[in-house]
Amino acid sequence: MSIVDEIKRRINTVRHTLHALQREAEEGLTADDVCDSMRSGFKLVEDYPDDLRGHSCLILTWVRSVPVHVACAPHEDILIIITVYIPTIEEWGEDFKTRRKIK
């Protein structure tokens, strides 16, 4: 099963790390904002199958027309939100899925 399928299977059973909750607050987002936007749709940005803590990934979703990156990991029957941030155009291409090369 792909990581996208794993996320979709667990999208209604989400747990946010303390770090993710702090980052959401810093970005003016709520946990519900993030979960609702993910349920409405998301795109896989980067896949990390060899992460030491377990398979994880970075996805792109949109909250009130603002791009949001969510690092998450399917774990047993839940989806763990690891961190959340609003990507900047300085670090990401206009599609918010392509990293810019740092000079």
N, C-alpha and C. Protein backbone atom coordinates (compact mmCIF):
# COMPACT_ATOMS: atom_id res chain seq x y z
N MET A 1 0.86 -1.18 0.00
CA MET A 1 0.00 0.00 0.00
C MET A 1 0.90 1.24 0.00
N SER A 2 0.56 2.24 -0.79
CA SER A 2 1.36 3.46 -0.88
C SER A 2 1.16 4.32 0.37
N ILE A 3 2.08 5.23 0.60
CA ILE A 3 1.97 6.13 1.75
C ILE A 3 0.71 7.00 1.64
N VAL A 4 0.34 7.38 0.43
CA VAL A 4 -0.89 8.16 0.24
C VAL A 4 -2.10 7.34 0.66
N ASP A 5 -2.12 6.07 0.27
CA ASP A 5 -3.23 5.19 0.67
C ASP A 5 -3.25 5.01 2.19
N GLU A 6 -2.07 4.90 2.78
CA GLU A 6 -1.96 4.75 4.25
C GLU A 6 -2.52 5.99 4.95
N ILE A 7 -2.21 7.17 4.43
CA ILE A 7 -2.74 8.41 5.01
C ILE A 7 -4.26 8.44 4.89
N LYS A 8 -4.76 8.16 3.69
CA LYS A 8 -6.22 8.19 3.47
C LYS A 8 -6.95 7.21 4.38
N ARG A 9 -6.33 6.07 4.63
CA ARG A 9 -6.95 5.05 5.49
C ARG A 9 -7.06 5.52 6.94
N ARG A 10 -6.15 6.42 7.35
CA ARG A 10 -6.11 6.88 8.74
C ARG A 10 -6.55 8.33 8.93
N ILE A 11 -7.05 8.97 7.89
CA ILE A 11 -7.33 10.41 7.90
C ILE A 11 -8.34 10.82 8.98
N ASN A 12 -9.14 9.90 9.44
CA ASN A 12 -10.13 10.24 10.47
C ASN A 12 -9.69 9.90 11.88
N THR A 13 -8.46 9.41 12.02
CA THR A 13 -7.90 9.09 13.33
C THR A 13 -6.53 9.73 13.41
N VAL A 14 -6.51 11.03 13.68
CA VAL A 14 -5.27 11.81 13.63
C VAL A 14 -4.85 12.23 15.03
N ARG A 15 -3.55 12.18 15.28
CA ARG A 15 -2.96 12.67 16.53
C ARG A 15 -1.86 13.66 16.17
N HIS A 16 -1.85 14.80 16.83
CA HIS A 16 -0.84 15.84 16.59
C HIS A 16 0.20 15.78 17.70
N THR A 17 1.48 15.81 17.34
CA THR A 17 2.51 15.92 18.36
C THR A 17 2.43 17.29 19.00
N LEU A 18 3.02 17.43 20.17
CA LEU A 18 3.07 18.74 20.82
C LEU A 18 3.76 19.74 19.91
N HIS A 19 4.83 19.31 19.25
CA HIS A 19 5.54 20.20 18.32
C HIS A 19 4.60 20.68 17.21
N ALA A 20 3.80 19.77 16.64
CA ALA A 20 2.87 20.15 15.57
C ALA A 20 1.85 21.17 16.09
N LEU A 21 1.33 20.95 17.27
CA LEU A 21 0.35 21.88 17.84
C LEU A 21 0.98 23.26 18.06
N GLN A 22 2.22 23.29 18.51
CA GLN A 22 2.91 24.56 18.69
C GLN A 22 3.13 25.27 17.36
N ARG A 23 3.57 24.51 16.36
CA ARG A 23 3.80 25.11 15.03
C ARG A 23 2.50 25.60 14.41
N GLU A 24 1.42 24.84 14.57
CA GLU A 24 0.13 25.27 14.04
C GLU A 24 -0.26 26.61 14.67
N ALA A 25 -0.11 26.73 15.98
CA ALA A 25 -0.45 27.98 16.67
C ALA A 25 0.42 29.12 16.15
N GLU A 26 1.70 28.88 15.96
CA GLU A 26 2.61 29.91 15.44
C GLU A 26 2.19 30.37 14.05
N GLU A 27 1.65 29.47 13.26
CA GLU A 27 1.24 29.78 11.88
C GLU A 27 -0.20 30.30 11.81
N GLY A 28 -0.87 30.40 12.96
CA GLY A 28 -2.25 30.88 12.96
C GLY A 28 -3.25 29.83 12.51
N LEU A 29 -2.90 28.57 12.70
CA LEU A 29 -3.74 27.45 12.28
C LEU A 29 -4.20 26.68 13.51
N THR A 30 -5.25 25.91 13.34
CA THR A 30 -5.68 24.99 14.38
C THR A 30 -5.50 23.56 13.88
N ALA A 31 -5.53 22.62 14.81
CA ALA A 31 -5.46 21.21 14.43
C ALA A 31 -6.63 20.86 13.52
N ASP A 32 -7.81 21.42 13.82
CA ASP A 32 -8.98 21.15 12.97
C ASP A 32 -8.79 21.71 11.56
N ASP A 33 -8.18 22.91 11.46
CA ASP A 33 -7.89 23.48 10.14
C ASP A 33 -7.09 22.49 9.30
N VAL A 34 -6.04 21.97 9.91
CA VAL A 34 -5.13 21.07 9.20
C VAL A 34 -5.85 19.78 8.82
N CYS A 35 -6.55 19.18 9.76
CA CYS A 35 -7.25 17.92 9.48
C CYS A 35 -8.33 18.10 8.41
N ASP A 36 -9.11 19.17 8.53
CA ASP A 36 -10.17 19.42 7.54
C ASP A 36 -9.58 19.62 6.15
N SER A 37 -8.47 20.35 6.06
CA SER A 37 -7.87 20.58 4.74
C SER A 37 -7.31 19.29 4.16
N MET A 38 -6.73 18.45 5.01
CA MET A 38 -6.21 17.17 4.52
C MET A 38 -7.34 16.29 4.02
N ARG A 39 -8.46 16.30 4.71
CA ARG A 39 -9.61 15.50 4.27
C ARG A 39 -10.15 16.00 2.93
N SER A 40 -10.00 17.31 2.68
CA SER A 40 -10.46 17.89 1.41
C SER A 40 -9.51 17.58 0.26
N GLY A 41 -8.26 17.26 0.60
CA GLY A 41 -7.30 16.90 -0.43
C GLY A 41 -5.88 17.29 -0.07
N PHE A 42 -4.95 16.54 -0.60
CA PHE A 42 -3.54 16.82 -0.37
C PHE A 42 -2.72 16.18 -1.49
N LYS A 43 -1.50 16.64 -1.63
CA LYS A 43 -0.56 16.10 -2.62
C LYS A 43 0.71 15.66 -1.89
N LEU A 44 1.25 14.55 -2.28
CA LEU A 44 2.51 14.09 -1.73
C LEU A 44 3.63 14.96 -2.28
N VAL A 45 4.46 15.49 -1.39
CA VAL A 45 5.60 16.32 -1.78
C VAL A 45 6.88 15.50 -1.71
N GLU A 46 7.13 14.87 -0.57
CA GLU A 46 8.32 14.04 -0.39
C GLU A 46 7.95 12.81 0.44
N ASP A 47 8.55 11.69 0.08
CA ASP A 47 8.31 10.43 0.77
C ASP A 47 9.61 10.04 1.48
N TYR A 48 9.50 9.64 2.75
CA TYR A 48 10.67 9.27 3.54
C TYR A 48 10.51 7.83 4.05
N PRO A 49 10.62 6.84 3.16
CA PRO A 49 10.40 5.45 3.58
C PRO A 49 11.46 4.93 4.55
N ASP A 50 12.63 5.54 4.55
CA ASP A 50 13.72 5.04 5.39
C ASP A 50 13.94 5.87 6.65
N ASP A 51 12.97 6.70 7.03
CA ASP A 51 13.08 7.49 8.25
C ASP A 51 13.32 6.55 9.43
N LEU A 52 14.27 6.89 10.28
CA LEU A 52 14.61 6.03 11.41
C LEU A 52 13.44 5.80 12.36
N ARG A 53 12.52 6.75 12.43
CA ARG A 53 11.36 6.61 13.32
C ARG A 53 10.19 5.90 12.65
N GLY A 54 10.33 5.55 11.40
CA GLY A 54 9.26 4.90 10.66
C GLY A 54 8.89 5.70 9.42
N HIS A 55 8.26 5.06 8.48
CA HIS A 55 7.89 5.66 7.21
C HIS A 55 7.08 6.94 7.46
N SER A 56 7.51 8.03 6.86
CA SER A 56 6.81 9.31 6.99
C SER A 56 6.86 10.02 5.65
N CYS A 57 6.22 11.18 5.58
CA CYS A 57 6.20 11.94 4.34
C CYS A 57 5.85 13.39 4.60
N LEU A 58 6.02 14.19 3.57
CA LEU A 58 5.63 15.60 3.58
C LEU A 58 4.54 15.77 2.55
N ILE A 59 3.43 16.37 2.96
CA ILE A 59 2.33 16.59 2.03
C ILE A 59 2.01 18.08 1.96
N LEU A 60 1.35 18.45 0.89
CA LEU A 60 0.88 19.81 0.68
C LEU A 60 -0.64 19.81 0.72
N THR A 61 -1.19 20.71 1.51
CA THR A 61 -2.63 20.91 1.54
C THR A 61 -2.87 22.41 1.60
N TRP A 62 -4.11 22.83 1.55
CA TRP A 62 -4.42 24.26 1.52
C TRP A 62 -5.44 24.58 2.61
N VAL A 63 -5.14 25.59 3.41
CA VAL A 63 -6.05 26.07 4.44
C VAL A 63 -6.41 27.51 4.10
N ARG A 64 -7.70 27.75 3.83
CA ARG A 64 -8.16 29.10 3.46
C ARG A 64 -7.27 29.71 2.38
N SER A 65 -7.01 28.96 1.34
CA SER A 65 -6.20 29.38 0.18
C SER A 65 -4.72 29.61 0.49
N VAL A 66 -4.26 29.15 1.63
CA VAL A 66 -2.85 29.26 2.02
C VAL A 66 -2.22 27.87 1.94
N PRO A 67 -1.07 27.75 1.25
CA PRO A 67 -0.41 26.45 1.20
C PRO A 67 0.14 26.07 2.57
N VAL A 68 -0.01 24.80 2.92
CA VAL A 68 0.47 24.31 4.21
C VAL A 68 1.17 22.97 3.97
N HIS A 69 2.38 22.85 4.51
CA HIS A 69 3.10 21.58 4.49
C HIS A 69 2.85 20.86 5.80
N VAL A 70 2.60 19.57 5.70
CA VAL A 70 2.36 18.73 6.87
C VAL A 70 3.28 17.52 6.78
N ALA A 71 4.14 17.36 7.78
CA ALA A 71 4.94 16.14 7.89
C ALA A 71 4.13 15.18 8.74
N CYS A 72 3.91 13.98 8.22
CA CYS A 72 3.07 13.04 8.94
C CYS A 72 3.57 11.61 8.75
N ALA A 73 3.06 10.74 9.62
CA ALA A 73 3.47 9.33 9.56
C ALA A 73 2.31 8.44 9.96
N PRO A 74 1.97 7.47 9.12
CA PRO A 74 0.97 6.49 9.54
C PRO A 74 1.62 5.57 10.58
N HIS A 75 0.91 5.33 11.66
CA HIS A 75 1.44 4.47 12.71
C HIS A 75 0.28 3.64 13.26
N GLU A 76 0.40 2.34 13.15
CA GLU A 76 -0.68 1.44 13.54
C GLU A 76 -1.98 1.93 12.91
N ASP A 77 -2.98 2.27 13.71
CA ASP A 77 -4.27 2.68 13.14
C ASP A 77 -4.50 4.19 13.16
N ILE A 78 -3.44 4.97 13.42
CA ILE A 78 -3.59 6.42 13.47
C ILE A 78 -2.61 7.10 12.51
N LEU A 79 -2.87 8.37 12.27
CA LEU A 79 -1.96 9.20 11.49
C LEU A 79 -1.38 10.23 12.44
N ILE A 80 -0.07 10.27 12.54
CA ILE A 80 0.59 11.21 13.43
C ILE A 80 1.04 12.42 12.62
N ILE A 81 0.62 13.59 13.06
CA ILE A 81 1.07 14.85 12.46
C ILE A 81 2.32 15.26 13.24
N ILE A 82 3.45 15.28 12.55
CA ILE A 82 4.74 15.54 13.19
C ILE A 82 5.01 17.03 13.29
N THR A 83 4.83 17.73 12.19
CA THR A 83 5.00 19.19 12.17
C THR A 83 4.18 19.78 11.04
N VAL A 84 3.96 21.09 11.14
CA VAL A 84 3.15 21.82 10.17
C VAL A 84 3.81 23.17 9.97
N TYR A 85 3.86 23.62 8.72
CA TYR A 85 4.38 24.97 8.47
C TYR A 85 3.87 25.48 7.13
N ILE A 86 3.90 26.80 7.00
CA ILE A 86 3.55 27.44 5.73
C ILE A 86 4.85 27.59 4.94
N PRO A 87 4.94 26.94 3.78
CA PRO A 87 6.18 27.01 3.00
C PRO A 87 6.40 28.40 2.42
N THR A 88 7.66 28.78 2.33
CA THR A 88 8.00 30.09 1.77
C THR A 88 8.44 29.94 0.31
N ILE A 89 8.22 30.97 -0.46
CA ILE A 89 8.60 30.98 -1.87
C ILE A 89 10.12 31.00 -2.01
N GLU A 90 10.82 31.44 -0.97
CA GLU A 90 12.29 31.44 -1.01
C GLU A 90 12.84 30.01 -0.97
N GLU A 91 12.14 29.10 -0.29
CA GLU A 91 12.60 27.72 -0.17
C GLU A 91 11.92 26.77 -1.14
N TRP A 92 10.74 27.15 -1.61
CA TRP A 92 9.94 26.25 -2.44
C TRP A 92 9.54 26.93 -3.74
N GLY A 93 9.41 26.15 -4.80
CA GLY A 93 8.95 26.67 -6.08
C GLY A 93 7.50 27.12 -5.98
N GLU A 94 7.02 27.72 -7.04
CA GLU A 94 5.66 28.26 -7.05
C GLU A 94 4.59 27.19 -6.85
N ASP A 95 4.94 25.93 -7.11
CA ASP A 95 3.99 24.84 -6.88
C ASP A 95 4.00 24.36 -5.43
N PHE A 96 4.95 24.87 -4.63
CA PHE A 96 5.14 24.50 -3.23
C PHE A 96 5.44 23.01 -3.06
N LYS A 97 5.83 22.35 -4.16
CA LYS A 97 6.21 20.94 -4.09
C LYS A 97 7.67 20.71 -4.49
N THR A 98 8.32 21.73 -5.02
CA THR A 98 9.69 21.59 -5.51
C THR A 98 10.60 22.49 -4.68
N ARG A 99 11.60 21.87 -4.05
CA ARG A 99 12.56 22.66 -3.27
C ARG A 99 13.44 23.48 -4.20
N ARG A 100 13.69 24.71 -3.80
CA ARG A 100 14.63 25.55 -4.55
C ARG A 100 16.04 25.16 -4.13
N LYS A 101 16.94 25.24 -5.06
CA LYS A 101 18.33 24.98 -4.74
C LYS A 101 18.91 26.18 -3.99
N ILE A 102 19.52 25.90 -2.85
CA ILE A 102 20.12 26.97 -2.04
C ILE A 102 21.51 27.26 -2.59
N LYS A 103 21.76 28.55 -2.84
CA LYS A 103 23.04 28.94 -3.44
C LYS A 103 24.11 29.12 -2.40
